[in-house]
Protein backbone atom coordinates (compact mmCIF):
# COMPACT_ATOMS: atom_id res chain seq x y z
CA GLY A 1 -33.88 -32.29 30.81
CA GLU A 2 -34.75 -28.66 31.55
CA VAL A 3 -31.23 -27.86 32.76
CA ASP A 4 -29.74 -29.29 29.60
CA ALA A 5 -32.09 -27.23 27.41
CA CYS A 6 -31.20 -24.04 29.28
CA SER A 7 -27.47 -24.66 29.10
CA THR A 8 -27.73 -25.54 25.41
CA GLY A 9 -29.69 -22.33 24.76
CA ASP A 10 -27.12 -20.31 26.75
CA ALA A 11 -24.29 -21.86 24.76
CA ARG A 12 -26.03 -21.03 21.50
CA ARG A 13 -26.62 -17.44 22.60
CA ALA A 14 -22.97 -17.17 23.65
CA MET A 15 -21.87 -18.47 20.24
CA ASP A 16 -24.21 -16.00 18.53
CA VAL A 17 -22.72 -13.14 20.57
CA ASP A 18 -19.19 -14.28 19.71
CA ALA A 19 -20.12 -14.49 16.02
CA SER A 20 -21.67 -11.01 16.19
CA ARG A 21 -18.54 -9.61 17.82
CA ALA A 22 -16.36 -11.21 15.15
CA GLY A 23 -18.63 -9.80 12.45
CA VAL A 24 -18.54 -6.34 14.00
CA SER A 25 -14.74 -6.51 14.33
CA ALA A 26 -14.41 -7.52 10.69
CA LEU A 27 -16.76 -4.72 9.65
CA LEU A 28 -14.81 -2.16 11.68
CA ALA A 29 -11.57 -3.35 10.07
CA GLU A 30 -13.15 -2.90 6.62
CA VAL A 31 -14.36 0.60 7.53
CA ASP A 32 -10.87 1.53 8.78
CA GLN A 33 -9.36 0.25 5.56
CA LEU A 34 -11.90 2.18 3.49
CA GLY A 35 -11.00 5.33 5.45
CA SER A 36 -7.33 4.80 4.61
CA HIS A 37 -8.14 4.30 0.95
CA LEU A 38 -10.26 7.45 0.89
CA ARG A 39 -7.40 9.44 2.45
CA ALA A 40 -5.11 7.98 -0.23
CA GLN A 41 -7.60 9.05 -2.91
CA ARG A 42 -7.51 12.57 -1.47
CA ILE A 43 -3.70 12.62 -1.82
CA LEU A 44 -3.93 11.35 -5.39
CA THR A 45 -6.58 13.94 -6.25
CA CYS A 46 -4.27 16.70 -5.02
CA TRP A 47 -1.71 15.42 -7.54
CA GLY A 48 -4.24 15.30 -10.37
CA LEU A 49 -4.27 11.51 -10.33
CA SER A 50 -7.28 9.25 -10.32
CA VAL A 51 -7.61 5.54 -9.73
CA PRO A 52 -10.83 3.58 -9.34
CA MET A 53 -11.65 2.39 -5.84
CA SER A 54 -11.45 -1.18 -7.15
CA ALA A 55 -7.70 -0.60 -7.62
CA PHE A 56 -7.38 -0.61 -3.84
CA ARG A 57 -8.13 -4.32 -3.87
CA GLU A 58 -5.27 -5.25 -6.21
CA ALA A 59 -2.61 -5.95 -3.60
CA THR A 60 -1.75 -9.58 -3.24
CA GLY A 61 0.82 -9.30 -0.44
CA GLU A 62 -0.22 -10.14 3.08
CA PRO A 63 -3.38 -12.16 3.67
CA GLY A 64 -6.33 -9.83 4.14
CA ALA A 65 -4.29 -6.79 3.10
CA GLN A 66 -5.93 -4.58 0.57
CA GLY A 67 -4.41 -1.78 -1.37
CA LEU A 68 -2.79 -0.82 -4.61
CA SER A 69 -0.63 -3.36 -6.37
CA ALA A 70 3.12 -2.75 -6.19
CA HIS A 71 3.19 -2.02 -9.92
CA ARG A 72 0.39 0.57 -9.78
CA ALA A 73 1.89 2.13 -6.65
CA GLN A 74 5.24 2.54 -8.38
CA GLN A 75 3.60 4.21 -11.38
CA LEU A 76 1.76 6.65 -9.13
CA LEU A 77 4.83 7.41 -7.03
CA ARG A 78 6.89 8.02 -10.15
CA HIS A 79 4.24 10.37 -11.53
CA MET A 80 4.17 12.34 -8.28
CA ALA A 81 7.95 12.71 -8.23
CA ARG A 82 8.11 13.70 -11.88
CA SER A 83 5.37 16.29 -11.40
CA VAL A 84 7.58 18.14 -8.94
CA ALA A 85 10.61 17.70 -11.20
CA ARG A 86 8.71 19.27 -14.11
CA GLY A 87 7.82 22.18 -11.88
CA SER A 88 4.09 21.66 -12.18
CA ARG A 89 3.87 21.90 -8.38
CA GLY A 90 6.64 24.42 -7.85
CA GLY A 91 10.26 23.40 -7.82
CA GLY A 92 11.44 24.68 -4.43
CA GLY A 93 12.56 22.63 -1.48
CA GLY A 94 9.14 22.93 0.16
CA ALA A 95 7.45 21.35 -2.85
CA TRP A 96 9.96 18.50 -2.86
CA HIS A 97 9.48 17.83 0.85
CA ALA A 98 5.69 17.95 0.48
CA ALA A 99 5.95 15.47 -2.41
CA ARG A 100 8.08 13.12 -0.31
CA ASP A 101 5.61 13.33 2.57
CA ASP A 102 2.66 12.65 0.27
CA MET A 103 4.47 9.74 -1.35
CA LEU A 104 5.24 8.18 2.04
CA ALA A 105 1.67 8.77 3.20
CA LEU A 106 0.33 7.09 0.05
CA CYS A 107 2.47 4.02 0.74
CA ALA A 108 1.35 3.86 4.36
CA LEU A 109 -2.34 4.30 3.54
CA ALA A 110 -2.81 2.24 0.42
CA CYS A 111 0.23 0.24 -0.62
CA PRO A 112 0.83 -2.72 1.69
CA ALA A 113 2.89 -4.48 -0.99
CA THR A 114 5.14 -1.46 -1.50
CA PRO A 115 7.99 -0.64 0.85
CA ALA A 116 8.36 3.00 1.86
CA GLN A 117 11.88 2.75 0.47
CA LEU A 118 10.41 2.70 -3.05
CA ALA A 119 8.74 6.06 -2.46
CA LEU A 120 12.02 7.51 -1.24
CA SER A 121 13.91 5.99 -4.15
CA GLU A 122 11.50 7.45 -6.74
CA TRP A 123 11.62 10.81 -4.97
CA LEU A 124 15.42 10.90 -4.82
CA HIS A 125 15.74 9.75 -8.43
CA ALA A 126 13.52 12.60 -9.66
CA LEU A 127 15.35 15.03 -7.38
CA LEU A 128 18.71 14.10 -8.90
CA LEU A 129 17.44 14.05 -12.48
CA SER A 130 16.08 17.56 -12.07
CA GLY A 131 19.43 18.83 -10.81
CA HIS A 132 18.51 19.50 -7.18
CA PHE A 133 21.79 18.13 -5.90
CA SER A 134 21.94 20.11 -2.67
CA LEU A 135 18.46 18.89 -1.66
CA ALA A 136 19.48 15.34 -2.52
CA ALA A 137 22.67 15.68 -0.48
CA ASP A 138 20.69 17.04 2.48
CA ALA A 139 18.21 14.16 2.22
CA LEU A 140 21.00 11.58 2.07
CA ARG A 141 22.78 13.23 4.98
CA GLU A 142 19.59 13.14 7.08
CA ALA A 143 19.06 9.48 6.22
CA ALA A 144 22.65 8.66 7.17
CA GLN A 145 22.23 10.47 10.48
CA ARG A 146 19.01 8.57 11.23
CA ALA A 147 20.71 5.30 10.35
CA ALA A 148 23.70 6.18 12.51
CA ALA A 149 21.46 7.11 15.43
CA GLY A 150 19.70 3.75 15.12
CA SER A 151 22.94 1.79 14.92
CA GLY A 152 24.95 3.68 17.52
CA VAL A 153 27.60 4.83 15.03
CA SER A 154 28.78 8.39 15.44
CA PRO A 155 27.09 10.68 12.86
CA ARG A 156 30.46 12.42 12.29
CA LEU A 157 31.82 9.18 10.86
CA MET A 158 28.97 9.13 8.32
CA THR A 159 29.77 12.51 6.72
């Protein structure tokens, strides 16, 4: 009888430890996600944009994924690209590249339902609409070279 009581108590303690570990793991995942959302808020603040923290729970993509909805993400990305196009953040190549980097970072940090391709598409669209054709051509050339390097096609055939 005593052996059974000890082994039952040990099993319960082991289950409690496993449950605690699972709880700690879940809590750490939530803290990591909060850190990502705070970094995304910092990017948005730099662009003069503000969204409530509750917006980072709108995503309905992958199970357990939290972030901005695809619709809200597209609105924010479009605003960022248009800000550069209007010249409110400087219109030079450096400003455009910084905008692209921020847009990609925003997608990675807070937009699980939004492909990075959308950020690049919004960026390129604003670039073309504002008449920065040489920057657009350079960006497309770089993308073609990356695609060629990944597929094994000679980059000379892409230009």
